């Protein structure tokens, strides 16, 4: 995965500037605000302090990264990576693994939820998956800057390695006989969320130690994956506390 990424939106760009100012390559602000950029005052102050190049461009030029840019974007050359050595020293760990998510809105929402709930890291399969797009960063509203992430070419082998290190792998699957409220999650937990529509892929499902499901009144319907992720992550983090 390329380390260079574009972040859009006021909250997301400010978080990038605050967390890793030395890694922000440049900043763009809509030209219409060049003479009265009050809403970008904090961003401009950080940019000036850290000698970050600032360009004022037309709002339409910012649209190439997504219409939710709010008139500002930054380019960053660093993403927080999972520190496996550090995690090995912790007695309680919660990781989320994503098996082929394609919607940037869902990935951004998962980043935001996982960050705020104290998840230790996010593992993302590169196959048929969305990357850290500007929209993902915008929806995450700063979560991308705080939540360590690792992209892997194949998810199943990575999960098998984690099992060897003492992790217990849970897959969210609607056909499981066991509801999430019936499960006592392991001290070192990996939660796997499947792709929109498709769910868990066969190889990923096989590597799970246990499948769990969320309660629902209609067996033929399903939760949005980011909502399902928030629900099960809350339960796991609640138990850990």
C-alpha atoms as a PDB file:
ATOM      1  CA  UNK A   1       0.000   0.000   0.000  1.00  0.00           C
ATOM      2  CA  UNK A   2       1.247   3.478  -0.881  1.00  0.00           C
ATOM      3  CA  UNK A   3       2.095   5.562   2.156  1.00  0.00           C
ATOM      4  CA  UNK A   4       1.118   8.841   0.444  1.00  0.00           C
ATOM      5  CA  UNK A   5      -2.568   9.592   1.032  1.00  0.00           C
ATOM      6  CA  UNK A   6      -4.938  12.532   0.693  1.00  0.00           C
ATOM      7  CA  UNK A   7      -7.121  13.592   3.608  1.00  0.00           C
ATOM      8  CA  UNK A   8     -10.163  15.829   3.130  1.00  0.00           C
ATOM      9  CA  UNK A   9     -12.580  17.619   5.456  1.00  0.00           C
ATOM     10  CA  UNK A  10     -11.971  20.073   8.276  1.00  0.00           C
ATOM     11  CA  UNK A  11     -11.956  17.624  11.202  1.00  0.00           C
ATOM     12  CA  UNK A  12      -9.885  14.988   9.407  1.00  0.00           C
ATOM     13  CA  UNK A  13      -7.257  17.397   8.088  1.00  0.00           C
ATOM     14  CA  UNK A  14      -6.918  19.092  11.471  1.00  0.00           C
ATOM     15  CA  UNK A  15      -6.366  15.734  13.135  1.00  0.00           C
ATOM     16  CA  UNK A  16      -3.676  14.846  10.589  1.00  0.00           C
ATOM     17  CA  UNK A  17      -1.987  18.209  11.169  1.00  0.00           C
ATOM     18  CA  UNK A  18      -2.094  17.816  14.957  1.00  0.00           C
ATOM     19  CA  UNK A  19      -1.028  14.157  15.125  1.00  0.00           C
ATOM     20  CA  UNK A  20       1.692  14.092  12.452  1.00  0.00           C
ATOM     21  CA  UNK A  21       2.522  17.656  11.293  1.00  0.00           C
ATOM     22  CA  UNK A  22       6.006  16.645  10.154  1.00  0.00           C
ATOM     23  CA  UNK A  23       4.442  14.106   7.777  1.00  0.00           C
ATOM     24  CA  UNK A  24       2.051  16.490   6.041  1.00  0.00           C
ATOM     25  CA  UNK A  25       3.535  17.232   2.624  1.00  0.00           C
ATOM     26  CA  UNK A  26       1.193  20.003   1.528  1.00  0.00           C
ATOM     27  CA  UNK A  27      -2.204  21.578   2.107  1.00  0.00           C
ATOM     28  CA  UNK A  28      -4.853  22.903  -0.260  1.00  0.00           C
ATOM     29  CA  UNK A  29      -7.588  25.376   0.661  1.00  0.00           C
ATOM     30  CA  UNK A  30     -10.368  26.643  -1.584  1.00  0.00           C
ATOM     31  CA  UNK A  31      -9.394  29.874  -3.334  1.00  0.00           C
ATOM     32  CA  UNK A  32     -12.640  31.540  -2.298  1.00  0.00           C
ATOM     33  CA  UNK A  33     -11.330  31.602   1.292  1.00  0.00           C
ATOM     34  CA  UNK A  34      -7.917  33.103   0.489  1.00  0.00           C
ATOM     35  CA  UNK A  35      -8.788  36.534   1.886  1.00  0.00           C
ATOM     36  CA  UNK A  36     -11.059  35.410   4.743  1.00  0.00           C
ATOM     37  CA  UNK A  37     -10.020  31.936   5.836  1.00  0.00           C
ATOM     38  CA  UNK A  38     -11.347  32.167   9.399  1.00  0.00           C
ATOM     39  CA  UNK A  39     -12.640  28.587   9.495  1.00  0.00           C
ATOM     40  CA  UNK A  40      -9.184  27.354   8.442  1.00  0.00           C
ATOM     41  CA  UNK A  41      -7.287  29.562  10.901  1.00  0.00           C
ATOM     42  CA  UNK A  42      -6.090  26.669  13.090  1.00  0.00           C
ATOM     43  CA  UNK A  43      -4.992  24.586  10.092  1.00  0.00           C
ATOM     44  CA  UNK A  44      -3.117  27.525   8.591  1.00  0.00           C
ATOM     45  CA  UNK A  45      -1.429  28.239  11.921  1.00  0.00           C
ATOM     46  CA  UNK A  46      -0.144  24.656  12.195  1.00  0.00           C
ATOM     47  CA  UNK A  47       0.956  24.724   8.554  1.00  0.00           C
ATOM     48  CA  UNK A  48       2.896  27.952   9.071  1.00  0.00           C
ATOM     49  CA  UNK A  49       4.552  26.652  12.246  1.00  0.00           C
ATOM     50  CA  UNK A  50       5.673  23.465  10.490  1.00  0.00           C
ATOM     51  CA  UNK A  51       6.531  25.108   7.149  1.00  0.00           C
ATOM     52  CA  UNK A  52       3.921  23.126   5.240  1.00  0.00           C
ATOM     53  CA  UNK A  53       3.301  24.291   1.698  1.00  0.00           C
ATOM     54  CA  UNK A  54      -0.182  25.820   1.316  1.00  0.00           C
ATOM     55  CA  UNK A  55      -1.943  26.323  -2.027  1.00  0.00           C
ATOM     56  CA  UNK A  56      -5.225  28.110  -2.615  1.00  0.00           C
ATOM     57  CA  UNK A  57      -7.127  26.416  -5.449  1.00  0.00           C
ATOM     58  CA  UNK A  58     -10.659  26.560  -6.838  1.00  0.00           C
ATOM     59  CA  UNK A  59     -13.242  24.489  -4.988  1.00  0.00           C
ATOM     60  CA  UNK A  60     -13.928  22.499  -8.149  1.00  0.00           C
ATOM     61  CA  UNK A  61     -10.317  21.306  -8.123  1.00  0.00           C
ATOM     62  CA  UNK A  62     -10.832  19.939  -4.628  1.00  0.00           C
ATOM     63  CA  UNK A  63     -13.841  17.992  -5.923  1.00  0.00           C
ATOM     64  CA  UNK A  64     -11.472  15.453  -7.515  1.00  0.00           C
ATOM     65  CA  UNK A  65     -10.919  14.031  -4.023  1.00  0.00           C
ATOM     66  CA  UNK A  66     -14.595  14.028  -3.069  1.00  0.00           C
ATOM     67  CA  UNK A  67     -17.371  16.575  -2.663  1.00  0.00           C
ATOM     68  CA  UNK A  68     -17.193  16.350   1.121  1.00  0.00           C
ATOM     69  CA  UNK A  69     -13.855  18.202   1.215  1.00  0.00           C
ATOM     70  CA  UNK A  70     -15.292  21.281   3.018  1.00  0.00           C
ATOM     71  CA  UNK A  71     -12.775  23.413   1.167  1.00  0.00           C
ATOM     72  CA  UNK A  72      -9.607  21.827   2.562  1.00  0.00           C
ATOM     73  CA  UNK A  73      -7.311  18.860   1.905  1.00  0.00           C
ATOM     74  CA  UNK A  74      -3.842  17.715   2.936  1.00  0.00           C
ATOM     75  CA  UNK A  75      -1.393  15.163   1.599  1.00  0.00           C
ATOM     76  CA  UNK A  76       0.234  12.929   4.211  1.00  0.00           C
ATOM     77  CA  UNK A  77       3.100  10.476   3.769  1.00  0.00           C
ATOM     78  CA  UNK A  78       2.532   8.363   6.871  1.00  0.00           C
ATOM     79  CA  UNK A  79      -0.167   6.021   8.223  1.00  0.00           C
ATOM     80  CA  UNK A  80      -0.065   4.495  11.737  1.00  0.00           C
ATOM     81  CA  UNK A  81       1.068   0.860  11.514  1.00  0.00           C
ATOM     82  CA  UNK A  82       0.312  -1.963  13.933  1.00  0.00           C
ATOM     83  CA  UNK A  83       3.213  -2.483  16.334  1.00  0.00           C
ATOM     84  CA  UNK A  84       3.076  -6.251  16.839  1.00  0.00           C
ATOM     85  CA  UNK A  85       5.926  -6.228  19.341  1.00  0.00           C
ATOM     86  CA  UNK A  86       4.056  -3.746  21.516  1.00  0.00           C
ATOM     87  CA  UNK A  87       0.825  -5.746  21.270  1.00  0.00           C
ATOM     88  CA  UNK A  88       2.629  -8.931  22.317  1.00  0.00           C
ATOM     89  CA  UNK A  89       3.281  -7.304  25.681  1.00  0.00           C
ATOM     90  CA  UNK A  90      -0.393  -6.566  26.339  1.00  0.00           C
ATOM     91  CA  UNK A  91      -2.628  -9.048  28.134  1.00  0.00           C
ATOM     92  CA  UNK A  92      -5.821  -7.749  26.523  1.00  0.00           C
ATOM     93  CA  UNK A  93      -6.018  -6.971  22.817  1.00  0.00           C
ATOM     94  CA  UNK A  94      -8.944  -6.317  20.467  1.00  0.00           C
ATOM     95  CA  UNK A  95      -8.303  -6.353  16.721  1.00  0.00           C
ATOM     96  CA  UNK A  96     -10.766  -5.931  13.866  1.00  0.00           C
ATOM     97  CA  UNK A  97     -10.210  -7.773  10.582  1.00  0.00           C
ATOM     98  CA  UNK A  98     -12.098  -6.750   7.432  1.00  0.00           C
ATOM     99  CA  UNK A  99     -12.672  -9.305   4.695  1.00  0.00           C
ATOM    100  CA  UNK A 100     -13.197  -7.461   1.429  1.00  0.00           C
ATOM    101  CA  UNK A 101     -15.064  -4.252   2.318  1.00  0.00           C
ATOM    102  CA  UNK A 102     -15.570  -2.152  -0.803  1.00  0.00           C
ATOM    103  CA  UNK A 103     -17.566   0.860   0.402  1.00  0.00           C
ATOM    104  CA  UNK A 104     -15.405   3.775   1.631  1.00  0.00           C
ATOM    105  CA  UNK A 105     -18.298   5.062   3.755  1.00  0.00           C
ATOM    106  CA  UNK A 106     -18.388   1.765   5.664  1.00  0.00           C
ATOM    107  CA  UNK A 107     -14.631   1.618   6.116  1.00  0.00           C
ATOM    108  CA  UNK A 108     -14.534   5.220   7.347  1.00  0.00           C
ATOM    109  CA  UNK A 109     -17.329   4.569   9.839  1.00  0.00           C
ATOM    110  CA  UNK A 110     -15.548   1.457  11.130  1.00  0.00           C
ATOM    111  CA  UNK A 111     -12.307   3.420  11.575  1.00  0.00           C
ATOM    112  CA  UNK A 112     -14.114   6.069  13.583  1.00  0.00           C
ATOM    113  CA  UNK A 113     -15.952   3.583  15.819  1.00  0.00           C
ATOM    114  CA  UNK A 114     -12.911   1.390  16.398  1.00  0.00           C
ATOM    115  CA  UNK A 115     -10.738   4.391  17.308  1.00  0.00           C
ATOM    116  CA  UNK A 116     -13.252   5.770  19.820  1.00  0.00           C
ATOM    117  CA  UNK A 117     -13.874   2.370  21.409  1.00  0.00           C
ATOM    118  CA  UNK A 118     -10.184   1.694  21.936  1.00  0.00           C
ATOM    119  CA  UNK A 119      -9.597  -1.081  19.412  1.00  0.00           C
ATOM    120  CA  UNK A 120      -5.878  -1.882  19.130  1.00  0.00           C
ATOM    121  CA  UNK A 121      -5.649  -2.246  15.364  1.00  0.00           C
ATOM    122  CA  UNK A 122      -7.364  -2.879  12.059  1.00  0.00           C
ATOM    123  CA  UNK A 123      -6.346  -5.639   9.631  1.00  0.00           C
ATOM    124  CA  UNK A 124      -7.607  -5.190   6.078  1.00  0.00           C
ATOM    125  CA  UNK A 125      -7.470  -7.687   3.251  1.00  0.00           C
ATOM    126  CA  UNK A 126      -6.150  -6.067   0.055  1.00  0.00           C
ATOM    127  CA  UNK A 127      -8.209  -8.320  -2.236  1.00  0.00           C
ATOM    128  CA  UNK A 128     -11.286  -6.513  -3.557  1.00  0.00           C
ATOM    129  CA  UNK A 129     -11.098  -3.991  -0.731  1.00  0.00           C
ATOM    130  CA  UNK A 130     -11.204  -0.216  -0.578  1.00  0.00           C
ATOM    131  CA  UNK A 131      -8.007   1.488   0.549  1.00  0.00           C
ATOM    132  CA  UNK A 132      -7.449   4.648   2.591  1.00  0.00           C
ATOM    133  CA  UNK A 133      -9.201   6.951   0.160  1.00  0.00           C
ATOM    134  CA  UNK A 134      -9.974  10.619   0.868  1.00  0.00           C
ATOM    135  CA  UNK A 135     -13.609   9.647   1.534  1.00  0.00           C
ATOM    136  CA  UNK A 136     -12.533   7.047   4.103  1.00  0.00           C
ATOM    137  CA  UNK A 137     -10.502   9.668   5.966  1.00  0.00           C
ATOM    138  CA  UNK A 138     -13.364  12.181   5.794  1.00  0.00           C
ATOM    139  CA  UNK A 139     -15.935   9.747   7.229  1.00  0.00           C
ATOM    140  CA  UNK A 140     -13.453   8.523   9.866  1.00  0.00           C
ATOM    141  CA  UNK A 141     -13.199  12.142  11.069  1.00  0.00           C
ATOM    142  CA  UNK A 142      -9.686  11.682  12.461  1.00  0.00           C
ATOM    143  CA  UNK A 143      -9.869   7.949  13.175  1.00  0.00           C
ATOM    144  CA  UNK A 144      -7.347   7.083  10.459  1.00  0.00           C
ATOM    145  CA  UNK A 145      -4.713   9.135  12.265  1.00  0.00           C
ATOM    146  CA  UNK A 146      -5.110   7.205  15.505  1.00  0.00           C
ATOM    147  CA  UNK A 147      -5.994   3.596  14.678  1.00  0.00           C
ATOM    148  CA  UNK A 148      -3.024   1.425  13.606  1.00  0.00           C
ATOM    149  CA  UNK A 149      -3.696  -0.529  10.428  1.00  0.00           C
ATOM    150  CA  UNK A 150      -2.136  -3.339   8.433  1.00  0.00           C
ATOM    151  CA  UNK A 151      -3.028  -4.347   4.884  1.00  0.00           C
ATOM    152  CA  UNK A 152      -2.348  -7.969   3.984  1.00  0.00           C
ATOM    153  CA  UNK A 153      -2.585  -9.738   0.636  1.00  0.00           C
ATOM    154  CA  UNK A 154      -4.360 -12.750   2.151  1.00  0.00           C
ATOM    155  CA  UNK A 155      -6.351 -12.551   5.349  1.00  0.00           C
ATOM    156  CA  UNK A 156      -6.606 -16.258   6.257  1.00  0.00           C
ATOM    157  CA  UNK A 157      -2.821 -16.878   6.639  1.00  0.00           C
ATOM    158  CA  UNK A 158      -2.503 -13.741   8.772  1.00  0.00           C
ATOM    159  CA  UNK A 159      -5.295 -14.941  11.040  1.00  0.00           C
ATOM    160  CA  UNK A 160      -3.681 -18.371  11.325  1.00  0.00           C
ATOM    161  CA  UNK A 161      -0.443 -16.727  12.445  1.00  0.00           C
ATOM    162  CA  UNK A 162      -2.327 -14.734  15.083  1.00  0.00           C
ATOM    163  CA  UNK A 163      -3.963 -17.897  16.381  1.00  0.00           C
ATOM    164  CA  UNK A 164      -0.491 -19.356  16.882  1.00  0.00           C
ATOM    165  CA  UNK A 165       0.278 -16.294  19.028  1.00  0.00           C
ATOM    166  CA  UNK A 166      -2.691 -16.888  21.321  1.00  0.00           C
ATOM    167  CA  UNK A 167      -5.455 -14.914  19.636  1.00  0.00           C
ATOM    168  CA  UNK A 168      -8.992 -16.290  19.384  1.00  0.00           C
ATOM    169  CA  UNK A 169     -10.671 -15.490  16.070  1.00  0.00           C
ATOM    170  CA  UNK A 170     -14.400 -14.710  15.927  1.00  0.00           C
ATOM    171  CA  UNK A 171     -16.310 -14.310  12.686  1.00  0.00           C
ATOM    172  CA  UNK A 172     -19.585 -12.419  12.494  1.00  0.00           C
ATOM    173  CA  UNK A 173     -22.039 -14.674  10.657  1.00  0.00           C
ATOM    174  CA  UNK A 174     -25.835 -14.627  10.621  1.00  0.00           C
ATOM    175  CA  UNK A 175     -26.144 -18.447  10.606  1.00  0.00           C
ATOM    176  CA  UNK A 176     -24.236 -18.963  13.849  1.00  0.00           C
ATOM    177  CA  UNK A 177     -26.305 -20.611  16.600  1.00  0.00           C
ATOM    178  CA  UNK A 178     -24.669 -18.376  19.210  1.00  0.00           C
ATOM    179  CA  UNK A 179     -25.602 -14.750  19.796  1.00  0.00           C
ATOM    180  CA  UNK A 180     -22.914 -12.244  20.724  1.00  0.00           C
ATOM    181  CA  UNK A 181     -24.417 -11.807  24.205  1.00  0.00           C
ATOM    182  CA  UNK A 182     -23.769 -15.512  24.939  1.00  0.00           C
ATOM    183  CA  UNK A 183     -20.041 -15.293  24.205  1.00  0.00           C
ATOM    184  CA  UNK A 184     -17.261 -14.612  26.697  1.00  0.00           C
ATOM    185  CA  UNK A 185     -14.623 -13.132  24.408  1.00  0.00           C
ATOM    186  CA  UNK A 186     -10.989 -14.136  24.804  1.00  0.00           C
ATOM    187  CA  UNK A 187      -8.377 -11.820  26.293  1.00  0.00           C
ATOM    188  CA  UNK A 188      -6.782 -11.537  22.853  1.00  0.00           C
ATOM    189  CA  UNK A 189      -9.617 -11.240  20.358  1.00  0.00           C
ATOM    190  CA  UNK A 190      -9.803 -10.814  16.599  1.00  0.00           C
ATOM    191  CA  UNK A 191     -13.236  -9.913  15.211  1.00  0.00           C
ATOM    192  CA  UNK A 192     -13.806 -10.499  11.494  1.00  0.00           C
ATOM    193  CA  UNK A 193     -16.381  -8.579   9.485  1.00  0.00           C
ATOM    194  CA  UNK A 194     -17.297  -9.821   6.024  1.00  0.00           C
ATOM    195  CA  UNK A 195     -17.896  -7.855   2.837  1.00  0.00           C
ATOM    196  CA  UNK A 196     -21.104  -6.005   2.040  1.00  0.00           C
ATOM    197  CA  UNK A 197     -23.631  -8.512   0.714  1.00  0.00           C
ATOM    198  CA  UNK A 198     -21.223 -11.437   0.488  1.00  0.00           C
ATOM    199  CA  UNK A 199     -20.227 -11.701   4.130  1.00  0.00           C
ATOM    200  CA  UNK A 200     -17.271 -13.831   5.168  1.00  0.00           C
ATOM    201  CA  UNK A 201     -15.416 -15.607   2.376  1.00  0.00           C
ATOM    202  CA  UNK A 202     -14.994 -19.367   2.596  1.00  0.00           C
ATOM    203  CA  UNK A 203     -11.295 -19.392   3.479  1.00  0.00           C
ATOM    204  CA  UNK A 204     -11.753 -16.740   6.141  1.00  0.00           C
ATOM    205  CA  UNK A 205     -14.733 -18.514   7.633  1.00  0.00           C
ATOM    206  CA  UNK A 206     -12.774 -21.761   7.966  1.00  0.00           C
ATOM    207  CA  UNK A 207      -9.996 -20.154   9.994  1.00  0.00           C
ATOM    208  CA  UNK A 208     -12.425 -18.790  12.614  1.00  0.00           C
ATOM    209  CA  UNK A 209     -12.390 -20.419  16.042  1.00  0.00           C
ATOM    210  CA  UNK A 210     -15.994 -19.415  16.568  1.00  0.00           C
ATOM    211  CA  UNK A 211     -18.840 -17.797  14.637  1.00  0.00           C
ATOM    212  CA  UNK A 212     -21.211 -15.400  16.378  1.00  0.00           C
ATOM    213  CA  UNK A 213     -24.307 -13.503  15.301  1.00  0.00           C
ATOM    214  CA  UNK A 214     -26.197 -10.384  16.267  1.00  0.00           C
ATOM    215  CA  UNK A 215     -29.847 -10.582  17.338  1.00  0.00           C
ATOM    216  CA  UNK A 216     -32.415  -9.555  14.728  1.00  0.00           C
ATOM    217  CA  UNK A 217     -36.155 -10.063  14.261  1.00  0.00           C
ATOM    218  CA  UNK A 218     -35.979 -10.781  10.511  1.00  0.00           C
ATOM    219  CA  UNK A 219     -33.685 -13.606   9.438  1.00  0.00           C
ATOM    220  CA  UNK A 220     -33.796 -12.506   5.799  1.00  0.00           C
ATOM    221  CA  UNK A 221     -32.559  -8.960   6.443  1.00  0.00           C
ATOM    222  CA  UNK A 222     -29.121  -7.849   7.565  1.00  0.00           C
ATOM    223  CA  UNK A 223     -27.356  -4.995   9.309  1.00  0.00           C
ATOM    224  CA  UNK A 224     -25.099  -2.571   7.497  1.00  0.00           C
ATOM    225  CA  UNK A 225     -21.548  -3.833   8.058  1.00  0.00           C
ATOM    226  CA  UNK A 226     -20.384  -0.691   9.848  1.00  0.00           C
ATOM    227  CA  UNK A 227     -23.402  -0.857  12.184  1.00  0.00           C
ATOM    228  CA  UNK A 228     -22.797  -4.561  12.841  1.00  0.00           C
ATOM    229  CA  UNK A 229     -19.143  -3.808  13.499  1.00  0.00           C
ATOM    230  CA  UNK A 230     -20.040  -1.101  16.006  1.00  0.00           C
ATOM    231  CA  UNK A 231     -22.444  -3.394  17.856  1.00  0.00           C
ATOM    232  CA  UNK A 232     -20.078  -6.332  18.273  1.00  0.00           C
ATOM    233  CA  UNK A 233     -17.067  -4.094  18.986  1.00  0.00           C
ATOM    234  CA  UNK A 234     -18.986  -2.402  21.774  1.00  0.00           C
ATOM    235  CA  UNK A 235     -19.754  -5.754  23.405  1.00  0.00           C
ATOM    236  CA  UNK A 236     -16.144  -6.958  23.217  1.00  0.00           C
ATOM    237  CA  UNK A 237     -14.717  -3.684  24.543  1.00  0.00           C
ATOM    238  CA  UNK A 238     -17.362  -3.596  27.285  1.00  0.00           C
ATOM    239  CA  UNK A 239     -16.240  -7.034  28.450  1.00  0.00           C
ATOM    240  CA  UNK A 240     -12.585  -5.997  28.396  1.00  0.00           C
ATOM    241  CA  UNK A 241     -13.320  -3.088  30.734  1.00  0.00           C
END
